Amino acid sequence: MYRANNSSIQFLFVAIAVLVGAALIVPSLVQAGAVLFEDDFRVGKVDGTGKWHTALGKWAIQGGALVKQGADVGLILVTDDHWDDEWNDYWFLSTITLTGGQELGVFWRFFTKGEQGGAFTNPGNLPKRLQGNESRHVIYWALNREGKTSIVQRDIKTVSQPFAKTETKTTLSTNKEYWVKVENHPKGYRLYLTDNGALAKSGEYGAAVVDVKDINIQGRGRIGFGSVDSRFKVDDVYVVEPDTNPFSVEAQGKLATTWGMLKSRRNK
């Protein structure tokens, strides 16, 4: 009677283990949505020829991060070449570290040619496509306002005011990395903030800090960052389809490594 040798049995066992692992991992990858925009700031420009367009203040890409230089008003947005103005249903994720000063802004609905009031809404140096835009609204998360609170600020045409029911006691400590997630949908948005990077990478940000409906502008607008009086740095920016964790691609790498080990053993 034929009896398989030990190497064949070992190979069969490894193959079954890999297939079972693939069955567990692949469905999650298939269900994951697309990454619409990403930047890890290893290289790049902030003059509008790369992924970022400086509208106000001084910005630079240094040490693998986007850095706001100087404690003055600043605004930077994604360039025309890397943004689709029809995107209105996405998640926006990044990390931020406050290095000096107080208030900074996380933008996810900048959709104006800059004709209304407010510190960020008349920059005079917007990306070209925004300059010809007739829609006028800017929405951003003003973090560390006066160092005591955070609130969503809405500049709609000529009206600039905090949005109702969005003020919280959320603040940032200096020189500490925070993970931000904005779930932007056509009829509203949810904002998350955590200093637990391990949980954030696994997709766990805790309860939403802000969860509101804001339906009159249908979710459209460009992402970016701004400063009133602060210095800070940003890393790992992603815009993804809802229910997508861009950090989960590590599972693909692990799966590929396992298959590589299997093929290596087979060829011996």
Protein backbone atom coordinates (compact mmCIF):
# COMPACT_ATOMS: atom_id res chain seq x y z
CA MET A 1 0.00 0.00 0.00
CA TYR A 2 1.22 3.47 -0.91
CA ARG A 3 2.40 5.52 2.07
CA ALA A 4 3.10 9.27 1.72
CA ASN A 5 6.50 10.37 2.96
CA ASN A 6 6.78 12.89 5.80
CA SER A 7 7.69 15.81 3.52
CA SER A 8 4.53 15.28 1.48
CA ILE A 9 2.39 15.17 4.60
CA GLN A 10 4.04 18.32 5.94
CA PHE A 11 3.49 20.10 2.63
CA LEU A 12 -0.18 19.06 2.57
CA PHE A 13 -0.65 20.27 6.16
CA VAL A 14 0.94 23.66 5.40
CA ALA A 15 -1.13 24.02 2.23
CA ILE A 16 -4.37 23.36 4.11
CA ALA A 17 -3.37 25.82 6.83
CA VAL A 18 -2.64 28.52 4.26
CA LEU A 19 -5.93 27.94 2.44
CA VAL A 20 -7.86 28.15 5.68
CA GLY A 21 -6.00 31.36 6.55
CA ALA A 22 -6.72 32.74 3.11
CA ALA A 23 -10.41 31.94 3.52
CA LEU A 24 -10.43 33.98 6.70
CA ILE A 25 -8.41 36.90 5.34
CA VAL A 26 -9.54 37.22 1.72
CA PRO A 27 -13.24 37.92 2.41
CA SER A 28 -12.28 40.94 4.49
CA LEU A 29 -10.04 42.16 1.69
CA VAL A 30 -12.73 41.66 -0.92
CA GLN A 31 -15.25 43.57 1.18
CA ALA A 32 -12.83 46.44 1.75
CA GLY A 33 -13.43 49.53 -0.35
CA ALA A 34 -11.00 51.47 -2.47
CA VAL A 35 -8.34 53.87 -1.26
CA LEU A 36 -9.20 57.12 -3.04
CA PHE A 37 -6.22 59.16 -1.83
CA GLU A 38 -3.18 58.46 0.31
CA ASP A 39 0.07 60.09 1.35
CA ASP A 40 2.73 58.96 3.81
CA PHE A 41 4.86 62.08 3.17
CA ARG A 42 8.06 60.21 2.38
CA VAL A 43 8.41 62.49 -0.64
CA GLY A 44 6.32 65.23 -2.16
CA LYS A 45 5.75 68.94 -2.73
CA VAL A 46 3.41 71.52 -1.24
CA ASP A 47 3.47 74.05 -4.10
CA GLY A 48 0.52 72.60 -6.02
CA THR A 49 2.60 70.44 -8.36
CA GLY A 50 2.30 67.34 -6.17
CA LYS A 51 -0.51 66.18 -3.90
CA TRP A 52 -0.76 69.35 -1.78
CA HIS A 53 -1.50 72.99 -2.54
CA THR A 54 -0.48 75.69 -0.06
CA ALA A 55 -3.17 78.38 0.15
CA LEU A 56 -1.93 80.20 3.27
CA GLY A 57 1.15 80.14 5.48
CA LYS A 58 4.33 78.09 5.29
CA TRP A 59 4.25 74.30 4.94
CA ALA A 60 6.88 71.68 4.21
CA ILE A 61 7.31 67.92 3.92
CA GLN A 62 10.04 67.02 6.39
CA GLY A 63 11.06 63.85 8.17
CA GLY A 64 8.18 61.83 6.72
CA ALA A 65 5.49 64.32 7.76
CA LEU A 66 3.59 67.36 6.53
CA VAL A 67 4.75 70.20 8.78
CA LYS A 68 3.03 73.50 9.49
CA GLN A 69 5.83 76.03 10.00
CA GLY A 70 5.25 79.14 12.08
CA ALA A 71 2.44 79.99 14.50
CA ASP A 72 0.31 81.93 12.03
CA VAL A 73 -2.74 81.33 9.87
CA GLY A 74 -2.16 78.52 7.40
CA LEU A 75 -4.20 76.40 5.01
CA ILE A 76 -3.21 73.50 2.77
CA LEU A 77 -5.50 71.43 0.52
CA VAL A 78 -5.27 68.46 -1.81
CA THR A 79 -4.49 69.52 -5.38
CA ASP A 80 -6.87 69.37 -8.33
CA ASP A 81 -4.98 66.43 -9.85
CA HIS A 82 -5.57 64.26 -6.78
CA TRP A 83 -9.14 65.15 -5.86
CA ASP A 84 -12.50 64.40 -7.46
CA ASP A 85 -15.00 67.11 -6.53
CA GLU A 86 -17.82 64.57 -6.83
CA TRP A 87 -16.54 62.53 -3.87
CA ASN A 88 -19.10 62.91 -1.11
CA ASP A 89 -19.19 59.58 0.72
CA TYR A 90 -15.85 58.62 2.22
CA TRP A 91 -13.76 58.23 5.35
CA PHE A 92 -10.82 60.57 5.95
CA LEU A 93 -8.08 59.32 8.29
CA SER A 94 -4.81 60.86 9.43
CA THR A 95 -2.54 61.42 12.39
CA ILE A 96 -1.80 64.85 13.85
CA THR A 97 0.71 66.06 16.42
CA LEU A 98 0.44 69.55 17.89
CA THR A 99 3.95 70.94 18.40
CA GLY A 100 3.15 74.50 19.47
CA GLY A 101 0.31 76.99 19.88
CA GLN A 102 -3.33 75.99 20.23
CA GLU A 103 -5.98 75.81 17.51
CA LEU A 104 -5.71 73.76 14.34
CA GLY A 105 -8.30 72.77 11.77
CA VAL A 106 -9.04 69.45 10.07
CA PHE A 107 -10.94 70.17 6.83
CA TRP A 108 -13.08 67.67 4.97
CA ARG A 109 -15.57 69.91 3.15
CA PHE A 110 -13.72 72.82 1.55
CA PHE A 111 -15.75 73.75 -1.50
CA THR A 112 -15.50 77.46 -2.22
CA LYS A 113 -13.69 80.02 -4.30
CA GLY A 114 -12.93 81.97 -1.16
CA GLU A 115 -15.36 84.85 -1.13
CA GLN A 116 -16.84 84.60 2.35
CA GLY A 117 -15.42 85.71 5.68
CA GLY A 118 -13.40 83.79 8.22
CA ALA A 119 -9.70 83.11 8.70
CA PHE A 120 -9.53 80.25 6.16
CA THR A 121 -12.09 81.30 3.57
CA ASN A 122 -10.35 84.11 1.70
CA PRO A 123 -6.86 82.71 1.11
CA GLY A 124 -6.35 84.16 -2.36
CA ASN A 125 -4.27 81.18 -3.53
CA LEU A 126 -6.68 78.31 -3.98
CA PRO A 127 -6.25 75.41 -6.42
CA LYS A 128 -7.41 76.48 -9.89
CA ARG A 129 -10.57 74.37 -9.96
CA LEU A 130 -11.78 75.86 -6.68
CA GLN A 131 -11.22 79.38 -8.00
CA GLY A 132 -13.99 78.85 -10.52
CA ASN A 133 -16.36 77.13 -8.09
CA GLU A 134 -19.73 78.80 -7.54
CA SER A 135 -20.58 76.73 -4.48
CA ARG A 136 -19.42 78.35 -1.26
CA HIS A 137 -19.03 76.34 1.88
CA VAL A 138 -16.20 75.41 4.23
CA ILE A 139 -16.54 72.98 7.13
CA TYR A 140 -13.72 72.03 9.46
CA TRP A 141 -13.08 70.65 12.92
CA ALA A 142 -11.56 73.45 15.00
CA LEU A 143 -9.52 71.51 17.54
CA ASN A 144 -8.16 73.18 20.68
CA ARG A 145 -10.11 76.40 20.31
CA GLU A 146 -8.60 78.69 22.96
CA GLY A 147 -6.94 75.54 24.27
CA LYS A 148 -10.15 74.53 26.05
CA THR A 149 -12.66 73.08 23.58
CA SER A 150 -13.25 71.82 20.05
CA ILE A 151 -16.11 72.57 17.67
CA VAL A 152 -17.16 72.18 14.04
CA GLN A 153 -16.99 75.51 12.23
CA ARG A 154 -19.22 76.16 9.22
CA ASP A 155 -18.66 79.02 6.76
CA ILE A 156 -21.62 78.96 4.36
CA LYS A 157 -21.61 81.82 1.85
CA THR A 158 -21.43 84.92 4.05
CA VAL A 159 -22.41 83.21 7.32
CA SER A 160 -19.59 81.99 9.53
CA GLN A 161 -20.53 80.26 12.78
CA PRO A 162 -19.99 77.14 14.90
CA PHE A 163 -22.36 74.32 14.02
CA ALA A 164 -24.94 73.45 16.66
CA LYS A 165 -24.36 70.49 18.97
CA THR A 166 -20.74 69.93 17.94
CA GLU A 167 -18.85 71.64 20.76
CA THR A 168 -16.99 69.28 23.10
CA LYS A 169 -14.27 69.44 25.72
CA THR A 170 -11.92 67.60 23.35
CA THR A 171 -8.38 68.98 23.48
CA LEU A 172 -4.91 68.00 22.28
CA SER A 173 -1.78 67.71 24.36
CA THR A 174 1.40 69.13 22.87
CA ASN A 175 3.86 66.68 21.24
CA LYS A 176 1.43 63.77 21.43
CA GLU A 177 0.25 61.88 18.34
CA TYR A 178 -3.50 61.61 17.76
CA TRP A 179 -5.42 59.55 15.24
CA VAL A 180 -8.27 61.32 13.48
CA LYS A 181 -11.13 59.73 11.56
CA VAL A 182 -13.86 61.66 9.76
CA GLU A 183 -16.77 59.63 8.40
CA ASN A 184 -18.13 61.97 5.75
CA HIS A 185 -21.50 61.13 4.25
CA PRO A 186 -23.93 63.12 2.06
CA LYS A 187 -26.27 63.74 4.99
CA GLY A 188 -23.85 64.24 7.86
CA TYR A 189 -20.57 63.28 9.47
CA ARG A 190 -18.97 61.59 12.46
CA LEU A 191 -15.69 62.69 13.98
CA TYR A 192 -13.34 60.48 15.99
CA LEU A 193 -10.13 61.19 17.88
CA THR A 194 -7.88 58.85 19.85
CA ASP A 195 -4.31 58.74 21.11
CA ASN A 196 -4.26 54.93 21.02
CA GLY A 197 -2.51 54.16 17.76
CA ALA A 198 -2.69 50.39 18.17
CA LEU A 199 -6.48 50.46 18.42
CA ALA A 200 -6.79 52.98 15.60
CA LYS A 201 -4.79 50.71 13.29
CA SER A 202 -7.21 47.91 14.06
CA GLY A 203 -10.12 50.20 13.17
CA GLU A 204 -11.20 50.94 16.74
CA TYR A 205 -11.47 54.67 17.46
CA GLY A 206 -13.98 54.52 20.29
CA ALA A 207 -17.24 56.47 20.33
CA ALA A 208 -17.71 59.36 17.92
CA VAL A 209 -16.86 62.74 19.43
CA VAL A 210 -19.30 64.42 17.03
CA ASP A 211 -22.20 62.78 15.17
CA VAL A 212 -24.52 65.17 13.33
CA LYS A 213 -26.65 65.61 10.24
CA ASP A 214 -25.66 68.39 7.86
CA ILE A 215 -27.56 67.74 4.67
CA ASN A 216 -27.70 71.02 2.78
CA ILE A 217 -24.31 70.66 1.07
CA GLN A 218 -24.57 66.95 0.26
CA GLY A 219 -21.18 65.88 1.58
CA ARG A 220 -18.99 67.49 -1.07
CA GLY A 221 -15.71 69.22 -0.39
CA ARG A 222 -11.96 68.87 -0.34
CA ILE A 223 -9.79 67.70 2.56
CA GLY A 224 -6.96 69.68 4.10
CA PHE A 225 -5.45 71.14 7.25
CA GLY A 226 -5.33 74.61 8.72
CA SER A 227 -3.80 76.62 11.54
CA VAL A 228 -4.88 79.73 13.39
CA ASP A 229 -1.96 80.09 15.78
CA SER A 230 -0.31 76.69 15.94
CA ARG A 231 2.47 74.53 14.62
CA PHE A 232 1.80 70.86 14.00
CA LYS A 233 2.65 67.88 11.81
CA VAL A 234 0.52 65.39 9.91
CA ASP A 235 1.23 61.85 8.73
CA ASP A 236 -0.50 58.91 7.05
CA VAL A 237 -3.38 60.65 5.30
CA TYR A 238 -6.01 58.42 3.69
CA VAL A 239 -9.34 58.99 1.97
CA VAL A 240 -11.13 55.67 1.55
CA GLU A 241 -14.54 54.31 0.70
CA PRO A 242 -16.73 53.73 3.80
CA ASP A 243 -16.03 50.70 5.99
CA THR A 244 -12.42 50.52 4.81
CA ASN A 245 -9.45 50.24 7.13
CA PRO A 246 -6.39 51.18 5.03
CA PHE A 247 -4.08 49.75 7.67
CA SER A 248 -5.54 46.25 7.17
CA VAL A 249 -3.48 45.78 4.01
CA GLU A 250 -0.83 44.42 6.36
CA ALA A 251 -2.85 41.20 6.24
CA GLN A 252 -2.14 40.95 2.51
CA GLY A 253 1.57 41.21 3.17
CA LYS A 254 1.40 38.45 5.76
CA LEU A 255 -0.55 36.22 3.39
CA ALA A 256 1.99 36.77 0.61
CA THR A 257 4.81 35.91 3.00
CA THR A 258 3.10 32.66 3.97
CA TRP A 259 2.66 31.64 0.32
CA GLY A 260 6.32 32.49 -0.29
CA MET A 261 7.37 30.19 2.56
CA LEU A 262 5.17 27.41 1.18
CA LYS A 263 6.66 27.68 -2.33
CA SER A 264 10.17 27.75 -0.87
CA ARG A 265 9.59 24.50 1.04
CA ARG A 266 8.06 22.89 -2.05
CA ASN A 267 11.10 23.66 -4.16
CA LYS A 268 13.54 22.06 -1.71
